[in-house]
Amino acid sequence: MLSGKSEEEIELIRESSLLVGKTLAEVASLIEPGVTPLELDKRAYEFIHDHEAVPGFLDYNGFPNSLCISKNEAVVHGIPDDKPVKEGEILSVDCGVLKNGFYGDSAYTFAVGEVSNEVRNLMETTKRCLEAGIEEARAGNRVGDIGHAVQQIAEGNGFGVVRELVGHGLGRELHEPPEIPNYGRRGRGPKLVDGLVIAIEPMINMGVKEVQQLSDGWTILTADRKPSAHYEHTIVVRKGKAEVLSTFEFIEEKLGITV
């Protein structure tokens, strides 16, 4: 049976999660044609350290950087490089921090300049998938309810739902039970309990659901090389309505997006 975190632990996870949101906002202010993923990664590293925390991904199972930056057809786990980004591309930026012994984890997909309507639709739908999954993260529901909600919206809009990669619990460890797939059946899977902290992270492909891993051992690409989007929040399951511990508020303020 799954167990929830104490309120003290939840507050520490919230602190780490809010720092992730602020770090992603710092990165957002630099994203424009010509910037390199390595420049974004360097700024994130400095910003996290300036706030008395450490990057959660750096050296995690050997990962070489502070951010996962996945461009266009890269789904997740992209390794930042020195290749300048171009107008019309999208970057999925995943960030984790470790502060006061607890992790925060969140991701956001950014448009570089103007993107096509098709790509914009993919991004907006993926974000809606995240919101739908969070709505189902109530005590008494099951893990399958979250995945079902995500899958219905994604596939209902003609997009593919990645099966091999999933959301997860987190706290003192970056990845804790349970796994949170982005597909599933209502009423199936472990029961969600009050105080359970999980990261919900839809990874939605414009084309097929299948993916492939590059020889670098990290980067995951769509099998048909069509774009993929990725949004993630760290949340705590509650009896009535889930509480979101991370935030997109700082990011969208930088981007001039009004919700």
Protein backbone atom coordinates (compact mmCIF):
# COMPACT_ATOMS: atom_id res chain seq x y z
CA MET A 1 0.00 0.00 0.00
CA LEU A 2 1.20 3.50 -0.83
CA SER A 3 1.90 5.96 1.97
CA GLY A 4 1.68 9.74 2.12
CA LYS A 5 4.29 12.24 3.27
CA SER A 6 4.04 14.27 6.46
CA GLU A 7 3.02 17.93 6.17
CA GLU A 8 6.58 18.92 7.11
CA GLU A 9 7.98 16.81 4.28
CA ILE A 10 5.41 18.19 1.84
CA GLU A 11 6.48 21.76 2.68
CA LEU A 12 10.13 20.92 1.96
CA ILE A 13 9.14 19.31 -1.37
CA ARG A 14 7.11 22.44 -2.14
CA GLU A 15 10.18 24.60 -1.53
CA SER A 16 12.26 22.49 -3.92
CA SER A 17 9.44 22.42 -6.48
CA LEU A 18 9.00 26.19 -6.44
CA LEU A 19 12.73 26.59 -7.00
CA VAL A 20 12.40 24.36 -10.08
CA GLY A 21 9.69 26.71 -11.38
CA LYS A 22 11.91 29.73 -10.80
CA THR A 23 14.84 27.99 -12.51
CA LEU A 24 12.72 27.18 -15.56
CA ALA A 25 11.58 30.82 -15.65
CA GLU A 26 15.23 31.92 -15.60
CA VAL A 27 15.88 29.58 -18.54
CA ALA A 28 12.73 30.85 -20.32
CA SER A 29 14.11 34.38 -20.40
CA LEU A 30 17.08 33.16 -22.46
CA ILE A 31 15.26 31.02 -25.02
CA GLU A 32 15.45 32.59 -28.47
CA PRO A 33 16.95 31.64 -31.82
CA GLY A 34 20.74 31.32 -31.52
CA VAL A 35 21.00 30.31 -27.86
CA THR A 36 22.56 26.91 -27.20
CA PRO A 37 21.16 24.28 -24.84
CA LEU A 38 24.51 24.29 -23.01
CA GLU A 39 24.10 28.02 -22.29
CA LEU A 40 20.66 27.30 -20.80
CA ASP A 41 22.10 24.46 -18.76
CA LYS A 42 24.91 26.64 -17.39
CA ARG A 43 22.45 29.31 -16.28
CA ALA A 44 20.26 26.72 -14.55
CA TYR A 45 23.28 25.29 -12.71
CA GLU A 46 24.30 28.74 -11.47
CA PHE A 47 20.76 29.72 -10.49
CA ILE A 48 20.15 26.53 -8.50
CA HIS A 49 23.45 26.91 -6.63
CA ASP A 50 22.71 30.59 -5.96
CA HIS A 51 19.58 29.39 -4.13
CA GLU A 52 21.49 26.97 -1.90
CA ALA A 53 20.37 23.83 -3.69
CA VAL A 54 21.96 21.33 -6.07
CA PRO A 55 20.77 20.19 -9.52
CA GLY A 56 18.79 17.00 -9.07
CA PHE A 57 19.75 15.50 -12.43
CA LEU A 58 23.50 16.23 -12.53
CA ASP A 59 25.36 12.91 -12.12
CA TYR A 60 22.05 11.09 -11.49
CA ASN A 61 22.85 7.60 -12.83
CA GLY A 62 25.67 9.32 -14.72
CA PHE A 63 23.62 12.04 -16.46
CA PRO A 64 26.13 14.77 -17.40
CA ASN A 65 24.07 17.96 -16.99
CA SER A 66 21.68 19.93 -14.79
CA LEU A 67 18.82 20.06 -17.32
CA CYS A 68 17.34 17.56 -19.73
CA ILE A 69 16.75 19.58 -22.92
CA SER A 70 14.88 17.68 -25.60
CA LYS A 71 14.54 19.34 -29.00
CA ASN A 72 11.66 18.70 -31.46
CA GLU A 73 11.50 14.92 -31.96
CA ALA A 74 13.39 14.24 -28.72
CA VAL A 75 10.81 13.19 -26.11
CA VAL A 76 12.88 13.36 -22.93
CA HIS A 77 16.39 12.98 -21.47
CA GLY A 78 18.06 15.10 -24.13
CA ILE A 79 21.66 16.02 -23.28
CA PRO A 80 22.35 19.76 -23.69
CA ASP A 81 24.74 20.49 -26.58
CA ASP A 82 26.35 23.55 -28.20
CA LYS A 83 24.14 23.57 -31.31
CA PRO A 84 22.18 26.86 -31.52
CA VAL A 85 18.41 26.49 -31.51
CA LYS A 86 16.40 27.72 -34.48
CA GLU A 87 13.18 29.63 -35.02
CA GLY A 88 10.20 27.26 -35.08
CA GLU A 89 11.77 24.56 -32.94
CA ILE A 90 10.46 23.42 -29.57
CA LEU A 91 12.48 22.60 -26.47
CA SER A 92 11.16 20.40 -23.67
CA VAL A 93 13.14 21.40 -20.58
CA ASP A 94 13.03 19.10 -17.56
CA CYS A 95 14.56 20.28 -14.29
CA GLY A 96 15.04 18.78 -10.84
CA VAL A 97 16.56 20.23 -7.70
CA LEU A 98 17.57 18.80 -4.36
CA LYS A 99 17.23 21.13 -1.39
CA ASN A 100 17.02 20.36 2.34
CA GLY A 101 17.07 16.64 1.52
CA PHE A 102 14.03 16.67 -0.79
CA TYR A 103 13.56 16.75 -4.55
CA GLY A 104 11.38 18.92 -6.78
CA ASP A 105 10.75 18.04 -10.42
CA SER A 106 8.95 19.86 -13.25
CA ALA A 107 9.09 20.25 -17.03
CA TYR A 108 7.83 22.70 -19.64
CA THR A 109 7.88 22.77 -23.43
CA PHE A 110 9.02 26.07 -24.94
CA ALA A 111 8.50 27.44 -28.44
CA VAL A 112 11.55 29.04 -30.04
CA GLY A 113 10.05 32.08 -31.72
CA GLU A 114 6.99 31.27 -33.82
CA VAL A 115 5.99 27.63 -34.25
CA SER A 116 3.45 26.05 -36.60
CA ASN A 117 -0.20 25.80 -35.61
CA GLU A 118 0.17 22.01 -35.57
CA VAL A 119 3.03 22.17 -33.07
CA ARG A 120 1.20 24.78 -30.96
CA ASN A 121 -1.79 22.43 -30.83
CA LEU A 122 0.47 19.59 -29.64
CA MET A 123 1.87 21.79 -26.86
CA GLU A 124 -1.53 23.03 -25.72
CA THR A 125 -3.03 19.54 -25.79
CA THR A 126 -0.15 18.10 -23.75
CA LYS A 127 -0.65 20.80 -21.15
CA ARG A 128 -4.35 19.99 -21.03
CA CYS A 129 -3.40 16.33 -20.53
CA LEU A 130 -1.38 17.33 -17.48
CA GLU A 131 -4.26 19.33 -16.05
CA ALA A 132 -6.68 16.42 -16.62
CA GLY A 133 -4.31 14.01 -14.90
CA ILE A 134 -3.96 16.31 -11.89
CA GLU A 135 -7.77 16.52 -11.58
CA GLU A 136 -7.88 12.75 -11.08
CA ALA A 137 -5.14 12.74 -8.40
CA ARG A 138 -7.57 12.56 -5.47
CA ALA A 139 -7.43 10.27 -2.46
CA GLY A 140 -9.50 7.17 -3.17
CA ASN A 141 -8.90 7.24 -6.91
CA ARG A 142 -6.38 4.92 -8.52
CA VAL A 143 -3.26 5.39 -10.63
CA GLY A 144 -5.18 4.18 -13.68
CA ASP A 145 -7.60 7.09 -13.34
CA ILE A 146 -4.75 9.55 -13.94
CA GLY A 147 -3.42 7.69 -16.97
CA HIS A 148 -6.90 7.26 -18.43
CA ALA A 149 -7.59 11.00 -18.25
CA VAL A 150 -4.31 11.83 -20.00
CA GLN A 151 -4.80 9.17 -22.67
CA GLN A 152 -8.36 10.23 -23.49
CA ILE A 153 -7.35 13.80 -24.30
CA ALA A 154 -4.16 12.93 -26.18
CA GLU A 155 -5.60 10.17 -28.34
CA GLY A 156 -8.88 12.07 -28.75
CA ASN A 157 -6.82 14.76 -30.50
CA GLY A 158 -4.98 12.27 -32.68
CA PHE A 159 -1.70 12.20 -30.74
CA GLY A 160 0.42 9.30 -29.51
CA VAL A 161 0.98 8.56 -25.79
CA VAL A 162 4.46 7.30 -24.90
CA ARG A 163 4.26 4.01 -23.00
CA GLU A 164 7.88 3.36 -21.98
CA LEU A 165 8.31 6.46 -19.81
CA VAL A 166 6.14 7.36 -16.84
CA GLY A 167 5.62 9.77 -13.97
CA HIS A 168 6.67 8.76 -10.48
CA GLY A 169 6.56 9.35 -6.78
CA LEU A 170 9.26 11.57 -5.29
CA GLY A 171 10.57 12.90 -2.00
CA ARG A 172 13.94 12.04 -0.51
CA GLU A 173 14.56 10.14 -3.77
CA LEU A 174 14.02 11.53 -7.25
CA HIS A 175 12.09 8.42 -8.26
CA GLU A 176 9.89 6.66 -5.70
CA PRO A 177 6.84 4.41 -6.02
CA PRO A 178 4.39 4.45 -7.63
CA GLU A 179 4.94 4.69 -11.37
CA ILE A 180 2.36 7.00 -13.00
CA PRO A 181 1.74 5.95 -16.62
CA ASN A 182 0.08 8.35 -19.06
CA TYR A 183 -2.35 5.68 -20.20
CA GLY A 184 -4.54 3.26 -18.33
CA ARG A 185 -7.99 2.13 -17.30
CA ARG A 186 -10.22 3.72 -14.72
CA GLY A 187 -10.30 1.98 -11.36
CA ARG A 188 -7.07 0.07 -11.98
CA GLY A 189 -3.70 0.28 -10.26
CA PRO A 190 -2.64 1.28 -6.73
CA LYS A 191 -5.05 3.39 -4.69
CA LEU A 192 -4.03 7.02 -4.20
CA VAL A 193 -3.76 8.13 -0.57
CA ASP A 194 -3.84 11.55 1.07
CA GLY A 195 -0.36 13.08 1.23
CA LEU A 196 1.11 10.99 -1.58
CA VAL A 197 3.55 13.13 -3.60
CA ILE A 198 3.87 12.29 -7.28
CA ALA A 199 5.17 13.82 -10.50
CA ILE A 200 2.65 13.65 -13.33
CA GLU A 201 4.34 14.14 -16.70
CA PRO A 202 2.53 13.54 -19.99
CA MET A 203 4.90 12.87 -22.90
CA ILE A 204 2.77 13.23 -26.01
CA ASN A 205 3.87 12.66 -29.61
CA MET A 206 2.50 14.33 -32.71
CA GLY A 207 2.63 10.98 -34.51
CA VAL A 208 3.09 7.41 -33.34
CA LYS A 209 3.47 6.46 -29.68
CA GLU A 210 6.63 4.41 -30.28
CA VAL A 211 10.04 5.75 -29.25
CA GLN A 212 13.71 4.87 -29.69
CA GLN A 213 16.77 5.51 -27.54
CA LEU A 214 19.88 7.09 -29.03
CA SER A 215 23.31 5.51 -28.63
CA ASP A 216 24.19 8.18 -26.01
CA GLY A 217 22.18 6.02 -23.60
CA TRP A 218 19.85 8.86 -22.66
CA THR A 219 18.04 10.71 -25.44
CA ILE A 220 14.62 9.28 -26.34
CA LEU A 221 13.30 10.10 -29.84
CA THR A 222 9.92 9.55 -31.46
CA ALA A 223 10.12 6.57 -33.82
CA ASP A 224 8.69 8.60 -36.72
CA ARG A 225 10.81 11.68 -35.84
CA LYS A 226 7.75 13.90 -35.42
CA PRO A 227 7.76 16.42 -32.54
CA SER A 228 6.92 15.54 -28.95
CA ALA A 229 5.87 17.74 -26.01
CA HIS A 230 6.38 17.25 -22.27
CA TYR A 231 4.90 19.05 -19.27
CA GLU A 232 5.33 17.98 -15.64
CA HIS A 233 4.14 19.05 -12.21
CA THR A 234 4.96 17.74 -8.76
CA ILE A 235 1.69 17.41 -6.86
CA VAL A 236 0.35 16.08 -3.57
CA VAL A 237 -2.76 13.91 -3.54
CA ARG A 238 -5.50 15.32 -1.31
CA LYS A 239 -8.98 14.14 -0.34
CA GLY A 240 -10.86 16.72 -2.39
CA LYS A 241 -8.49 18.15 -4.97
CA ALA A 242 -4.79 17.67 -5.66
CA GLU A 243 -2.43 20.41 -4.59
CA VAL A 244 0.20 21.46 -7.15
CA LEU A 245 3.58 21.97 -5.46
CA SER A 246 5.48 23.13 -8.53
CA THR A 247 4.36 26.07 -10.66
CA PHE A 248 4.35 27.41 -14.22
CA GLU A 249 3.45 30.89 -12.96
CA PHE A 250 7.01 32.27 -13.04
CA ILE A 251 7.63 30.77 -16.49
CA GLU A 252 4.47 32.14 -18.05
CA GLU A 253 5.06 35.56 -16.51
CA LYS A 254 8.42 35.63 -18.35
CA LEU A 255 6.78 34.43 -21.55
CA GLY A 256 3.97 36.97 -21.30
CA ILE A 257 1.31 34.25 -21.21
CA THR A 258 -1.86 35.19 -19.35
CA VAL A 259 -3.82 32.27 -17.96
